[in-house]
Amino acid sequence: MTEDIIVSGRMNHLIDPHLEVWEWQIPAYLFLGGLAAGILFFAGLMVLTGREDKYPAAVRKAPLLVPVILVLGLFFLFLDLKHKLFFWRLYTTIKLGAPMSWGAWVLLLVTPLSFIWAALNIRELFPRWDWKYDILKKLEAFFRKYRTYLAWAMVLLSVVLGIYTGILFSAFNGRPLWNTSILGPLFLVSGMSGGAAAIVLMSRSREERHYFARIDLLLIFIELVLIVHMFMGFLSSTQTQIDAAQLFLGGKYTAPFWIFVVILGLVTPAILELMEIKHKRIPWVAAPVLVLFGGIMLRMIIAFAGQVSHWNV
């Protein structure tokens, strides 16, 4: 997917307005997609490594949220569409060079997969649940028999889905802030961190909470490294990308980004998780909530700041 920008020989940011084509719906959709990818990744990984019974919230509880998360995210995407009645045309072709195209196909695979996994674990919410029809009981038995294959599919597709949420931005060459290959890995790691945070919130086991808090600590560190690397890449590139980076280094998005994303969404929860692991008396809910808050703010700020950045002419 490419974006064409019509420019003239005169470009004055005090005179020429910038267009915000994407509003809150797209970053909210990308956040929910990344969150779903993170939850499914850890669910599949725990099954494949034989730790299903040790970490039940990751495998059986948190994935119950994923169908709701994906449907809500797709609803936000539907709200953003200009021609809503023609959304089905995304599935009339496959364009590997267009992230929106293969992202739509990945979602077409991930969404029913998430419903199947949730159905297999529905008794976590309703212990007396019973499929009334024989065909449904046979389907449940069939999918239980091939749970390992489902777990492999969840792990692989969730990685693709997580990367897609960042590549969707980076494919827009007309926006210097988005024109970086770091966004794919950054959004993937952020989604995994959100998935770990959701599992911590849903777990009743202190051991499980500590385990995923340690995973989240590692993911937060990687996320911070990727953010630093992104800015280093911008500052060592063309003047246009230096100007894009300045939006966060003294520009209008400096305070929101460094306060809401870095300090509140990354550094503070990392400190709280470290204190929790060391058995300090703190409200353990605070860290995962801040991680989720930082995840949505990261996508909101990148989405809006990217639409402000432009090429110098």
C-alpha atoms as a PDB file:
ATOM      1  CA  MET A   1       0.000   0.000   0.000  1.00  0.00           C
ATOM      2  CA  THR A   2       1.379   3.410  -0.906  1.00  0.00           C
ATOM      3  CA  GLU A   3       0.199   6.924  -0.262  1.00  0.00           C
ATOM      4  CA  ASP A   4       0.440   9.725  -2.773  1.00  0.00           C
ATOM      5  CA  ILE A   5       0.741  13.265  -1.459  1.00  0.00           C
ATOM      6  CA  ILE A   6       0.154  16.206  -3.736  1.00  0.00           C
ATOM      7  CA  VAL A   7       2.612  18.973  -2.922  1.00  0.00           C
ATOM      8  CA  SER A   8       3.478  22.301  -4.428  1.00  0.00           C
ATOM      9  CA  GLY A   9       6.683  24.300  -4.435  1.00  0.00           C
ATOM     10  CA  ARG A  10       5.339  26.168  -1.412  1.00  0.00           C
ATOM     11  CA  MET A  11       4.881  24.216   1.795  1.00  0.00           C
ATOM     12  CA  ASN A  12       4.275  26.233   4.936  1.00  0.00           C
ATOM     13  CA  HIS A  13       2.964  24.369   7.979  1.00  0.00           C
ATOM     14  CA  LEU A  14       1.435  27.625   9.258  1.00  0.00           C
ATOM     15  CA  ILE A  15      -0.675  27.943   6.109  1.00  0.00           C
ATOM     16  CA  ASP A  16      -1.125  24.495   4.629  1.00  0.00           C
ATOM     17  CA  PRO A  17      -3.210  22.227   6.851  1.00  0.00           C
ATOM     18  CA  HIS A  18      -2.441  18.544   7.377  1.00  0.00           C
ATOM     19  CA  LEU A  19      -5.138  15.963   6.817  1.00  0.00           C
ATOM     20  CA  GLU A  20      -6.021  13.447   9.511  1.00  0.00           C
ATOM     21  CA  VAL A  21      -7.542  10.642   7.472  1.00  0.00           C
ATOM     22  CA  TRP A  22      -7.325   8.157  10.321  1.00  0.00           C
ATOM     23  CA  GLU A  23      -8.911   8.976  13.643  1.00  0.00           C
ATOM     24  CA  TRP A  24      -9.153   6.929  16.859  1.00  0.00           C
ATOM     25  CA  GLN A  25     -10.746   3.864  15.218  1.00  0.00           C
ATOM     26  CA  ILE A  26      -7.585   2.656  13.452  1.00  0.00           C
ATOM     27  CA  PRO A  27      -5.155   2.837  16.415  1.00  0.00           C
ATOM     28  CA  ALA A  28      -7.827   1.230  18.626  1.00  0.00           C
ATOM     29  CA  TYR A  29      -8.206  -1.562  16.054  1.00  0.00           C
ATOM     30  CA  LEU A  30      -4.427  -2.044  15.898  1.00  0.00           C
ATOM     31  CA  PHE A  31      -4.167  -2.126  19.693  1.00  0.00           C
ATOM     32  CA  LEU A  32      -6.878  -4.770  20.002  1.00  0.00           C
ATOM     33  CA  GLY A  33      -5.321  -6.794  17.189  1.00  0.00           C
ATOM     34  CA  GLY A  34      -1.932  -6.718  18.897  1.00  0.00           C
ATOM     35  CA  LEU A  35      -3.486  -7.616  22.258  1.00  0.00           C
ATOM     36  CA  ALA A  36      -5.308 -10.591  20.730  1.00  0.00           C
ATOM     37  CA  ALA A  37      -2.075 -11.709  19.059  1.00  0.00           C
ATOM     38  CA  GLY A  38      -0.197 -11.569  22.352  1.00  0.00           C
ATOM     39  CA  ILE A  39      -2.798 -13.610  24.243  1.00  0.00           C
ATOM     40  CA  LEU A  40      -3.029 -16.269  21.519  1.00  0.00           C
ATOM     41  CA  PHE A  41       0.754 -16.490  21.228  1.00  0.00           C
ATOM     42  CA  PHE A  42       1.238 -17.297  24.906  1.00  0.00           C
ATOM     43  CA  ALA A  43      -1.722 -19.703  24.949  1.00  0.00           C
ATOM     44  CA  GLY A  44      -0.265 -21.685  22.080  1.00  0.00           C
ATOM     45  CA  LEU A  45       3.271 -21.503  23.440  1.00  0.00           C
ATOM     46  CA  MET A  46       2.276 -22.876  26.849  1.00  0.00           C
ATOM     47  CA  VAL A  47       0.520 -25.826  25.199  1.00  0.00           C
ATOM     48  CA  LEU A  48       3.476 -26.592  22.943  1.00  0.00           C
ATOM     49  CA  THR A  49       5.934 -26.452  25.870  1.00  0.00           C
ATOM     50  CA  GLY A  50       3.777 -28.687  28.074  1.00  0.00           C
ATOM     51  CA  ARG A  51       2.899 -26.040  30.671  1.00  0.00           C
ATOM     52  CA  GLU A  52      -0.851 -25.904  30.132  1.00  0.00           C
ATOM     53  CA  ASP A  53      -1.773 -27.029  33.651  1.00  0.00           C
ATOM     54  CA  LYS A  54       0.894 -24.883  35.277  1.00  0.00           C
ATOM     55  CA  TYR A  55      -0.356 -21.657  33.684  1.00  0.00           C
ATOM     56  CA  PRO A  56      -4.138 -22.097  33.229  1.00  0.00           C
ATOM     57  CA  ALA A  57      -4.939 -18.385  32.865  1.00  0.00           C
ATOM     58  CA  ALA A  58      -2.670 -18.137  29.829  1.00  0.00           C
ATOM     59  CA  VAL A  59      -4.105 -21.207  28.108  1.00  0.00           C
ATOM     60  CA  ARG A  60      -7.748 -21.346  29.160  1.00  0.00           C
ATOM     61  CA  LYS A  61      -8.900 -18.048  30.696  1.00  0.00           C
ATOM     62  CA  ALA A  62      -7.318 -15.141  28.806  1.00  0.00           C
ATOM     63  CA  PRO A  63      -8.104 -16.636  25.349  1.00  0.00           C
ATOM     64  CA  LEU A  64     -11.805 -16.394  26.207  1.00  0.00           C
ATOM     65  CA  LEU A  65     -11.396 -12.644  25.737  1.00  0.00           C
ATOM     66  CA  VAL A  66      -9.894 -12.899  22.259  1.00  0.00           C
ATOM     67  CA  PRO A  67     -13.089 -13.426  20.197  1.00  0.00           C
ATOM     68  CA  VAL A  68     -14.623 -10.367  21.866  1.00  0.00           C
ATOM     69  CA  ILE A  69     -11.430  -8.360  21.342  1.00  0.00           C
ATOM     70  CA  LEU A  70     -11.206  -9.269  17.655  1.00  0.00           C
ATOM     71  CA  VAL A  71     -14.879  -8.621  16.932  1.00  0.00           C
ATOM     72  CA  LEU A  72     -14.639  -5.237  18.663  1.00  0.00           C
ATOM     73  CA  GLY A  73     -11.480  -4.393  16.719  1.00  0.00           C
ATOM     74  CA  LEU A  74     -13.091  -5.360  13.417  1.00  0.00           C
ATOM     75  CA  PHE A  75     -16.090  -3.226  14.344  1.00  0.00           C
ATOM     76  CA  PHE A  76     -13.777  -0.223  14.838  1.00  0.00           C
ATOM     77  CA  LEU A  77     -12.210  -0.950  11.454  1.00  0.00           C
ATOM     78  CA  PHE A  78     -15.685  -1.153   9.895  1.00  0.00           C
ATOM     79  CA  LEU A  79     -16.538   2.250  11.379  1.00  0.00           C
ATOM     80  CA  ASP A  80     -13.499   3.738   9.665  1.00  0.00           C
ATOM     81  CA  LEU A  81     -14.356   2.384   6.211  1.00  0.00           C
ATOM     82  CA  LYS A  82     -15.613   4.960   3.752  1.00  0.00           C
ATOM     83  CA  HIS A  83     -17.578   2.478   1.621  1.00  0.00           C
ATOM     84  CA  LYS A  84     -18.793   0.049   4.267  1.00  0.00           C
ATOM     85  CA  LEU A  85     -20.917  -2.100   1.974  1.00  0.00           C
ATOM     86  CA  PHE A  86     -17.890  -3.071  -0.113  1.00  0.00           C
ATOM     87  CA  PHE A  87     -15.628  -4.442   2.638  1.00  0.00           C
ATOM     88  CA  TRP A  88     -15.988  -7.912   1.078  1.00  0.00           C
ATOM     89  CA  ARG A  89     -13.825  -6.832  -1.849  1.00  0.00           C
ATOM     90  CA  LEU A  90     -10.786  -7.299   0.375  1.00  0.00           C
ATOM     91  CA  TYR A  91     -11.372 -11.020  -0.046  1.00  0.00           C
ATOM     92  CA  THR A  92     -11.686 -11.072  -3.822  1.00  0.00           C
ATOM     93  CA  THR A  93      -7.915 -10.957  -4.285  1.00  0.00           C
ATOM     94  CA  ILE A  94      -4.623 -11.445  -2.461  1.00  0.00           C
ATOM     95  CA  LYS A  95      -1.972  -8.741  -2.826  1.00  0.00           C
ATOM     96  CA  LEU A  96       1.148  -9.699  -0.924  1.00  0.00           C
ATOM     97  CA  GLY A  97       2.551  -6.203  -1.411  1.00  0.00           C
ATOM     98  CA  ALA A  98      -0.424  -4.650   0.383  1.00  0.00           C
ATOM     99  CA  PRO A  99      -0.437  -5.107   4.196  1.00  0.00           C
ATOM    100  CA  MET A 100      -4.161  -4.384   4.339  1.00  0.00           C
ATOM    101  CA  SER A 101      -4.778  -7.328   2.003  1.00  0.00           C
ATOM    102  CA  TRP A 102      -2.792 -10.021   3.785  1.00  0.00           C
ATOM    103  CA  GLY A 103      -3.796  -8.550   7.143  1.00  0.00           C
ATOM    104  CA  ALA A 104      -7.430  -9.083   6.205  1.00  0.00           C
ATOM    105  CA  TRP A 105      -6.704 -12.701   5.295  1.00  0.00           C
ATOM    106  CA  VAL A 106      -4.789 -13.305   8.522  1.00  0.00           C
ATOM    107  CA  LEU A 107      -7.734 -11.948  10.500  1.00  0.00           C
ATOM    108  CA  LEU A 108     -10.026 -14.237   8.512  1.00  0.00           C
ATOM    109  CA  LEU A 109      -7.975 -17.180   9.828  1.00  0.00           C
ATOM    110  CA  VAL A 110      -7.285 -15.938  13.358  1.00  0.00           C
ATOM    111  CA  THR A 111     -10.870 -14.984  14.221  1.00  0.00           C
ATOM    112  CA  PRO A 112     -12.503 -18.426  13.770  1.00  0.00           C
ATOM    113  CA  LEU A 113      -9.434 -20.021  15.355  1.00  0.00           C
ATOM    114  CA  SER A 114      -9.941 -17.855  18.446  1.00  0.00           C
ATOM    115  CA  PHE A 115     -13.617 -18.885  18.607  1.00  0.00           C
ATOM    116  CA  ILE A 116     -12.665 -22.555  18.412  1.00  0.00           C
ATOM    117  CA  TRP A 117     -10.085 -22.212  21.199  1.00  0.00           C
ATOM    118  CA  ALA A 118     -12.538 -20.286  23.370  1.00  0.00           C
ATOM    119  CA  ALA A 119     -15.210 -22.945  22.789  1.00  0.00           C
ATOM    120  CA  LEU A 120     -12.806 -25.659  23.919  1.00  0.00           C
ATOM    121  CA  ASN A 121     -12.290 -23.768  27.181  1.00  0.00           C
ATOM    122  CA  ILE A 122     -15.807 -22.436  27.741  1.00  0.00           C
ATOM    123  CA  ARG A 123     -16.141 -24.539  30.893  1.00  0.00           C
ATOM    124  CA  GLU A 124     -13.686 -22.203  32.612  1.00  0.00           C
ATOM    125  CA  LEU A 125     -16.583 -19.743  32.776  1.00  0.00           C
ATOM    126  CA  PHE A 126     -19.482 -22.209  32.846  1.00  0.00           C
ATOM    127  CA  PRO A 127     -18.416 -25.465  34.579  1.00  0.00           C
ATOM    128  CA  ARG A 128     -21.713 -27.200  33.736  1.00  0.00           C
ATOM    129  CA  TRP A 129     -21.618 -26.274  30.090  1.00  0.00           C
ATOM    130  CA  ASP A 130     -22.829 -29.046  27.811  1.00  0.00           C
ATOM    131  CA  TRP A 131     -23.119 -29.057  24.033  1.00  0.00           C
ATOM    132  CA  LYS A 132     -26.718 -30.077  23.399  1.00  0.00           C
ATOM    133  CA  TYR A 133     -26.286 -31.382  19.874  1.00  0.00           C
ATOM    134  CA  ASP A 134     -24.245 -34.420  18.924  1.00  0.00           C
ATOM    135  CA  ILE A 135     -22.622 -32.629  16.005  1.00  0.00           C
ATOM    136  CA  LEU A 136     -21.206 -30.006  18.384  1.00  0.00           C
ATOM    137  CA  LYS A 137     -19.918 -32.697  20.731  1.00  0.00           C
ATOM    138  CA  LYS A 138     -18.214 -34.424  17.820  1.00  0.00           C
ATOM    139  CA  LEU A 139     -16.641 -31.154  16.714  1.00  0.00           C
ATOM    140  CA  GLU A 140     -15.353 -30.536  20.224  1.00  0.00           C
ATOM    141  CA  ALA A 141     -13.827 -34.026  20.333  1.00  0.00           C
ATOM    142  CA  PHE A 142     -12.260 -33.476  16.913  1.00  0.00           C
ATOM    143  CA  PHE A 143     -10.617 -30.177  17.818  1.00  0.00           C
ATOM    144  CA  ARG A 144      -9.430 -31.507  21.177  1.00  0.00           C
ATOM    145  CA  LYS A 145      -7.719 -34.330  19.342  1.00  0.00           C
ATOM    146  CA  TYR A 146      -5.779 -31.824  17.241  1.00  0.00           C
ATOM    147  CA  ARG A 147      -5.152 -29.170  19.919  1.00  0.00           C
ATOM    148  CA  THR A 148      -1.423 -29.261  19.259  1.00  0.00           C
ATOM    149  CA  TYR A 149      -1.971 -28.281  15.636  1.00  0.00           C
ATOM    150  CA  LEU A 150      -4.288 -25.496  16.760  1.00  0.00           C
ATOM    151  CA  ALA A 151      -1.582 -24.287  19.148  1.00  0.00           C
ATOM    152  CA  TRP A 152       0.995 -24.204  16.338  1.00  0.00           C
ATOM    153  CA  ALA A 153      -1.440 -22.243  14.175  1.00  0.00           C
ATOM    154  CA  MET A 154      -2.074 -19.751  16.988  1.00  0.00           C
ATOM    155  CA  VAL A 155       1.633 -19.162  17.586  1.00  0.00           C
ATOM    156  CA  LEU A 156       2.468 -18.622  13.910  1.00  0.00           C
ATOM    157  CA  LEU A 157      -0.594 -16.571  12.980  1.00  0.00           C
ATOM    158  CA  SER A 158      -0.351 -14.398  16.096  1.00  0.00           C
ATOM    159  CA  VAL A 159       3.208 -13.396  15.158  1.00  0.00           C
ATOM    160  CA  VAL A 160       2.047 -12.441  11.662  1.00  0.00           C
ATOM    161  CA  LEU A 161      -0.912 -10.534  13.103  1.00  0.00           C
ATOM    162  CA  GLY A 162       1.283  -8.675  15.597  1.00  0.00           C
ATOM    163  CA  ILE A 163       3.780  -7.612  12.922  1.00  0.00           C
ATOM    164  CA  TYR A 164       0.973  -6.608  10.564  1.00  0.00           C
ATOM    165  CA  THR A 165      -0.327  -4.036  13.055  1.00  0.00           C
ATOM    166  CA  GLY A 166       2.944  -2.122  12.662  1.00  0.00           C
ATOM    167  CA  ILE A 167       3.601  -2.754   8.974  1.00  0.00           C
ATOM    168  CA  LEU A 168       0.200  -1.268   8.186  1.00  0.00           C
ATOM    169  CA  PHE A 169       1.718   2.094   9.161  1.00  0.00           C
ATOM    170  CA  SER A 170       5.215   1.596   7.751  1.00  0.00           C
ATOM    171  CA  ALA A 171       3.828   0.793   4.288  1.00  0.00           C
ATOM    172  CA  PHE A 172       2.786   4.436   3.911  1.00  0.00           C
ATOM    173  CA  ASN A 173       5.938   5.854   2.310  1.00  0.00           C
ATOM    174  CA  GLY A 174       4.392   9.308   2.170  1.00  0.00           C
ATOM    175  CA  ARG A 175       4.629   9.727   5.956  1.00  0.00           C
ATOM    176  CA  PRO A 176       8.262   9.986   7.148  1.00  0.00           C
ATOM    177  CA  LEU A 177       7.459   9.049  10.753  1.00  0.00           C
ATOM    178  CA  TRP A 178       5.870   5.785   9.617  1.00  0.00           C
ATOM    179  CA  ASN A 179       8.541   5.068   7.008  1.00  0.00           C
ATOM    180  CA  THR A 180      10.625   2.808   9.243  1.00  0.00           C
ATOM    181  CA  SER A 181      10.943  -0.962   9.474  1.00  0.00           C
ATOM    182  CA  ILE A 182      11.042  -0.719  13.287  1.00  0.00           C
ATOM    183  CA  LEU A 183       7.267  -0.293  13.599  1.00  0.00           C
ATOM    184  CA  GLY A 184       6.556  -3.945  12.767  1.00  0.00           C
ATOM    185  CA  PRO A 185       8.774  -5.418  15.519  1.00  0.00           C
ATOM    186  CA  LEU A 186       7.841  -2.589  17.918  1.00  0.00           C
ATOM    187  CA  PHE A 187       4.107  -3.207  17.626  1.00  0.00           C
ATOM    188  CA  LEU A 188       4.663  -6.974  17.794  1.00  0.00           C
ATOM    189  CA  VAL A 189       6.593  -6.701  21.065  1.00  0.00           C
ATOM    190  CA  SER A 190       4.066  -4.194  22.416  1.00  0.00           C
ATOM    191  CA  GLY A 191       1.228  -6.600  21.597  1.00  0.00           C
ATOM    192  CA  MET A 192       3.058  -9.471  23.315  1.00  0.00           C
ATOM    193  CA  SER A 193       3.564  -7.254  26.353  1.00  0.00           C
ATOM    194  CA  GLY A 194      -0.150  -6.442  26.372  1.00  0.00           C
ATOM    195  CA  GLY A 195      -0.963 -10.146  26.142  1.00  0.00           C
ATOM    196  CA  ALA A 196       1.275 -10.912  29.124  1.00  0.00           C
ATOM    197  CA  ALA A 197      -0.377  -8.071  31.066  1.00  0.00           C
ATOM    198  CA  ALA A 198      -3.863  -9.425  30.288  1.00  0.00           C
ATOM    199  CA  ILE A 199      -2.820 -12.862  31.555  1.00  0.00           C
ATOM    200  CA  VAL A 200      -1.492 -11.336  34.785  1.00  0.00           C
ATOM    201  CA  LEU A 201      -4.823  -9.577  35.306  1.00  0.00           C
ATOM    202  CA  MET A 202      -6.796 -12.789  34.819  1.00  0.00           C
ATOM    203  CA  SER A 203      -4.583 -15.126  36.822  1.00  0.00           C
ATOM    204  CA  ARG A 204      -5.362 -16.160  40.394  1.00  0.00           C
ATOM    205  CA  SER A 205      -1.992 -17.848  40.817  1.00  0.00           C
ATOM    206  CA  ARG A 206       0.814 -15.757  42.231  1.00  0.00           C
ATOM    207  CA  GLU A 207       3.349 -18.043  40.582  1.00  0.00           C
ATOM    208  CA  GLU A 208       1.734 -17.503  37.195  1.00  0.00           C
ATOM    209  CA  ARG A 209       1.554 -13.745  37.722  1.00  0.00           C
ATOM    210  CA  HIS A 210       5.256 -13.630  38.601  1.00  0.00           C
ATOM    211  CA  TYR A 211       6.167 -15.757  35.602  1.00  0.00           C
ATOM    212  CA  PHE A 212       4.398 -13.478  33.127  1.00  0.00           C
ATOM    213  CA  ALA A 213       5.603 -10.385  34.975  1.00  0.00           C
ATOM    214  CA  ARG A 214       9.160 -11.570  34.275  1.00  0.00           C
ATOM    215  CA  ILE A 215       8.261 -12.122  30.613  1.00  0.00           C
ATOM    216  CA  ASP A 216       6.741  -8.648  30.497  1.00  0.00           C
ATOM    217  CA  LEU A 217       9.892  -7.139  32.005  1.00  0.00           C
ATOM    218  CA  LEU A 218      11.921  -8.612  29.153  1.00  0.00           C
ATOM    219  CA  LEU A 219       9.401  -7.389  26.574  1.00  0.00           C
ATOM    220  CA  ILE A 220       9.397  -3.870  28.050  1.00  0.00           C
ATOM    221  CA  PHE A 221      13.201  -3.784  27.843  1.00  0.00           C
ATOM    222  CA  ILE A 222      13.072  -4.887  24.188  1.00  0.00           C
ATOM    223  CA  GLU A 223      10.399  -2.279  23.489  1.00  0.00           C
ATOM    224  CA  LEU A 224      12.538   0.484  24.980  1.00  0.00           C
ATOM    225  CA  VAL A 225      15.526  -0.671  22.907  1.00  0.00           C
ATOM    226  CA  LEU A 226      13.405  -0.593  19.743  1.00  0.00           C
ATOM    227  CA  ILE A 227      12.146   2.920  20.530  1.00  0.00           C
ATOM    228  CA  VAL A 228      15.705   4.172  21.050  1.00  0.00           C
ATOM    229  CA  HIS A 229      16.799   2.429  17.847  1.00  0.00           C
ATOM    230  CA  MET A 230      13.905   4.023  15.951  1.00  0.00           C
ATOM    231  CA  PHE A 231      14.916   7.529  16.994  1.00  0.00           C
ATOM    232  CA  MET A 232      18.593   6.839  16.290  1.00  0.00           C
ATOM    233  CA  GLY A 233      17.615   5.739  12.796  1.00  0.00           C
ATOM    234  CA  PHE A 234      15.585   8.889  12.226  1.00  0.00           C
ATOM    235  CA  LEU A 235      18.284  11.233  13.549  1.00  0.00           C
ATOM    236  CA  SER A 236      20.959   9.658  11.341  1.00  0.00           C
ATOM    237  CA  SER A 237      18.804   9.826   8.206  1.00  0.00           C
ATOM    238  CA  THR A 238      17.541  12.627   5.962  1.00  0.00           C
ATOM    239  CA  GLN A 239      16.428  16.026   7.198  1.00  0.00           C
ATOM    240  CA  THR A 240      12.822  15.038   6.593  1.00  0.00           C
ATOM    241  CA  GLN A 241      13.051  12.107   8.997  1.00  0.00           C
ATOM    242  CA  ILE A 242      14.997  14.216  11.481  1.00  0.00           C
ATOM    243  CA  ASP A 243      12.075  16.639  11.406  1.00  0.00           C
ATOM    244  CA  ALA A 244       9.700  13.720  11.969  1.00  0.00           C
ATOM    245  CA  ALA A 245      11.681  12.635  15.031  1.00  0.00           C
ATOM    246  CA  GLN A 246      11.590  16.194  16.349  1.00  0.00           C
ATOM    247  CA  LEU A 247       7.836  15.778  16.854  1.00  0.00           C
ATOM    248  CA  PHE A 248       8.835  13.665  19.889  1.00  0.00           C
ATOM    249  CA  LEU A 249      12.038  15.539  20.767  1.00  0.00           C
ATOM    250  CA  GLY A 250      10.717  18.986  21.496  1.00  0.00           C
ATOM    251  CA  GLY A 251       7.680  19.071  19.226  1.00  0.00           C
ATOM    252  CA  LYS A 252       3.967  18.873  20.005  1.00  0.00           C
ATOM    253  CA  TYR A 253       4.006  15.127  20.781  1.00  0.00           C
ATOM    254  CA  THR A 254       6.992  15.207  23.135  1.00  0.00           C
ATOM    255  CA  ALA A 255       5.080  15.344  26.416  1.00  0.00           C
ATOM    256  CA  PRO A 256       2.328  12.829  25.465  1.00  0.00           C
ATOM    257  CA  PHE A 257       4.819  10.298  24.131  1.00  0.00           C
ATOM    258  CA  TRP A 258       7.409  10.409  26.897  1.00  0.00           C
ATOM    259  CA  ILE A 259       4.895  10.723  29.738  1.00  0.00           C
ATOM    260  CA  PHE A 260       2.082   8.400  28.637  1.00  0.00           C
ATOM    261  CA  VAL A 261       4.046   5.807  26.648  1.00  0.00           C
ATOM    262  CA  VAL A 262       7.573   5.698  28.053  1.00  0.00           C
ATOM    263  CA  ILE A 263       7.174   6.755  31.699  1.00  0.00           C
ATOM    264  CA  LEU A 264       3.662   5.536  32.551  1.00  0.00           C
ATOM    265  CA  GLY A 265       3.376   2.732  29.983  1.00  0.00           C
ATOM    266  CA  LEU A 266       6.865   1.212  30.169  1.00  0.00           C
ATOM    267  CA  VAL A 267       9.205   2.406  32.918  1.00  0.00           C
ATOM    268  CA  THR A 268       6.680   2.602  35.766  1.00  0.00           C
ATOM    269  CA  PRO A 269       5.120  -0.849  35.180  1.00  0.00           C
ATOM    270  CA  ALA A 270       8.631  -2.321  34.840  1.00  0.00           C
ATOM    271  CA  ILE A 271       9.537  -0.950  38.271  1.00  0.00           C
ATOM    272  CA  LEU A 272       6.247  -2.177  39.759  1.00  0.00           C
ATOM    273  CA  GLU A 273       6.661  -5.642  38.237  1.00  0.00           C
ATOM    274  CA  LEU A 274      10.186  -5.863  39.592  1.00  0.00           C
ATOM    275  CA  MET A 275       8.922  -4.922  43.050  1.00  0.00           C
ATOM    276  CA  GLU A 276       6.128  -7.501  42.781  1.00  0.00           C
ATOM    277  CA  ILE A 277       8.601 -10.226  41.834  1.00  0.00           C
ATOM    278  CA  LYS A 278      10.701  -9.298  44.871  1.00  0.00           C
ATOM    279  CA  HIS A 279       7.570  -9.710  47.039  1.00  0.00           C
ATOM    280  CA  LYS A 280       7.134  -6.032  47.869  1.00  0.00           C
ATOM    281  CA  ARG A 281       3.702  -4.948  49.026  1.00  0.00           C
ATOM    282  CA  ILE A 282       2.257  -3.101  46.028  1.00  0.00           C
ATOM    283  CA  PRO A 283      -1.083  -3.207  44.163  1.00  0.00           C
ATOM    284  CA  TRP A 284      -0.183  -5.865  41.587  1.00  0.00           C
ATOM    285  CA  VAL A 285      -3.041  -4.768  39.293  1.00  0.00           C
ATOM    286  CA  ALA A 286      -1.365  -1.407  38.616  1.00  0.00           C
ATOM    287  CA  ALA A 287       1.482  -2.698  36.432  1.00  0.00           C
ATOM    288  CA  PRO A 288      -0.565  -4.639  33.851  1.00  0.00           C
ATOM    289  CA  VAL A 289      -3.151  -1.841  33.648  1.00  0.00           C
ATOM    290  CA  LEU A 290      -0.374   0.668  32.916  1.00  0.00           C
ATOM    291  CA  VAL A 291       1.103  -1.658  30.288  1.00  0.00           C
ATOM    292  CA  LEU A 292      -2.249  -1.811  28.484  1.00  0.00           C
ATOM    293  CA  PHE A 293      -2.624   1.957  28.798  1.00  0.00           C
ATOM    294  CA  GLY A 294       0.845   2.457  27.321  1.00  0.00           C
ATOM    295  CA  GLY A 295       0.018   0.109  24.441  1.00  0.00           C
ATOM    296  CA  ILE A 296      -3.049   2.023  23.322  1.00  0.00           C
ATOM    297  CA  MET A 297      -1.290   5.376  23.783  1.00  0.00           C
ATOM    298  CA  LEU A 298       1.667   4.213  21.676  1.00  0.00           C
ATOM    299  CA  ARG A 299      -0.615   3.471  18.742  1.00  0.00           C
ATOM    300  CA  MET A 300      -2.730   6.608  19.192  1.00  0.00           C
ATOM    301  CA  ILE A 301       0.298   8.911  19.265  1.00  0.00           C
ATOM    302  CA  ILE A 302       2.106   7.180  16.391  1.00  0.00           C
ATOM    303  CA  ALA A 303      -1.094   7.329  14.311  1.00  0.00           C
ATOM    304  CA  PHE A 304      -1.732  11.031  14.888  1.00  0.00           C
ATOM    305  CA  ALA A 305       1.906  12.151  14.754  1.00  0.00           C
ATOM    306  CA  GLY A 306       2.469  10.203  11.560  1.00  0.00           C
ATOM    307  CA  GLN A 307      -0.286  12.113   9.823  1.00  0.00           C
ATOM    308  CA  VAL A 308       1.358  15.385  10.828  1.00  0.00           C
ATOM    309  CA  SER A 309       4.776  14.444   9.430  1.00  0.00           C
ATOM    310  CA  HIS A 310       5.400  15.172   5.741  1.00  0.00           C
ATOM    311  CA  TRP A 311       8.196  15.274   3.211  1.00  0.00           C
ATOM    312  CA  ASN A 312      10.028  18.563   2.786  1.00  0.00           C
ATOM    313  CA  VAL A 313       9.879  20.062  -0.679  1.00  0.00           C
END
